[in-house]
Protein backbone atom coordinates (compact mmCIF):
# COMPACT_ATOMS: atom_id res chain seq x y z
CA UNK A 1 -27.95 -15.21 32.81
CA UNK A 2 -27.85 -12.51 30.18
CA UNK A 3 -28.91 -13.33 26.63
CA UNK A 4 -27.87 -11.19 23.69
CA UNK A 5 -30.05 -10.57 20.71
CA UNK A 6 -28.75 -12.54 17.67
CA UNK A 7 -28.51 -9.38 15.53
CA UNK A 8 -26.41 -7.68 18.20
CA UNK A 9 -24.07 -10.68 18.38
CA UNK A 10 -23.76 -10.74 14.59
CA UNK A 11 -22.97 -7.01 14.51
CA UNK A 12 -20.31 -7.47 17.19
CA UNK A 13 -18.86 -10.39 15.25
CA UNK A 14 -18.63 -8.34 12.05
CA UNK A 15 -17.04 -5.41 13.90
CA UNK A 16 -14.39 -7.69 15.38
CA UNK A 17 -13.82 -9.35 12.01
CA UNK A 18 -13.23 -5.94 10.39
CA UNK A 19 -10.79 -5.01 13.17
CA UNK A 20 -8.82 -8.23 12.64
CA UNK A 21 -8.73 -7.71 8.86
CA UNK A 22 -7.54 -4.10 9.29
CA UNK A 23 -4.84 -5.23 11.72
CA UNK A 24 -3.67 -7.94 9.32
CA UNK A 25 -3.55 -5.41 6.46
CA UNK A 26 -1.49 -3.06 8.61
CA UNK A 27 0.94 -5.83 9.54
CA UNK A 28 1.25 -6.84 5.87
CA UNK A 29 1.96 -3.24 4.86
CA UNK A 30 4.57 -2.80 7.59
CA UNK A 31 6.26 -6.06 6.62
CA UNK A 32 6.40 -4.96 2.98
CA UNK A 33 7.87 -1.59 3.99
CA UNK A 34 10.51 -3.28 6.14
CA UNK A 35 11.36 -5.71 3.35
CA UNK A 36 11.60 -2.82 0.87
CA UNK A 37 13.82 -0.87 3.26
CA UNK A 38 16.12 -3.87 3.83
CA UNK A 39 16.61 -4.18 0.08
CA UNK A 40 17.92 -0.61 0.05
CA UNK A 41 15.63 0.49 -2.74
CA UNK A 42 14.32 4.01 -2.31
CA UNK A 43 11.48 5.65 -4.17
CA UNK A 44 13.99 7.94 -5.87
CA UNK A 45 15.92 4.92 -7.19
CA UNK A 46 12.75 3.31 -8.47
CA UNK A 47 11.59 6.53 -10.15
CA UNK A 48 15.00 7.10 -11.71
CA UNK A 49 15.00 3.62 -13.20
CA UNK A 50 11.58 4.17 -14.74
CA UNK A 51 12.40 7.70 -15.94
CA UNK A 52 15.63 6.58 -17.60
CA UNK A 53 13.82 4.23 -20.00
CA UNK A 54 13.96 5.51 -23.53
CA UNK A 55 11.42 3.32 -25.24
CA UNK A 56 9.44 6.15 -26.82
CA UNK A 57 6.78 6.40 -24.14
CA UNK A 58 5.97 9.48 -22.10
CA UNK A 59 8.08 10.21 -19.04
CA UNK A 60 6.73 8.97 -15.72
CA UNK A 61 5.67 11.19 -12.86
CA UNK A 62 9.07 12.03 -11.50
CA UNK A 63 11.58 14.81 -11.64
CA UNK A 64 11.34 14.88 -15.45
CA UNK A 65 7.56 15.28 -15.61
CA UNK A 66 7.87 19.01 -16.39
CA UNK A 67 10.61 18.56 -19.03
CA UNK A 68 9.81 19.73 -22.54
CA UNK A 69 8.90 17.13 -25.14
CA UNK A 70 11.71 15.87 -27.34
């Protein structure tokens, strides 16, 4: 019979817990990317929608970021 030290067991438990959390985060991120892709929305479309707002605020970080001020 082989007994483990309680601190070693706790360290192993925390390592495994971190692995499971990282795996769940990865699955969540992949699911969000797939959902985003199915909706047909690209980053360019999202940036264009934000950049086309003319509410008096500064332009977003997109293709118009280097445009001269109006």
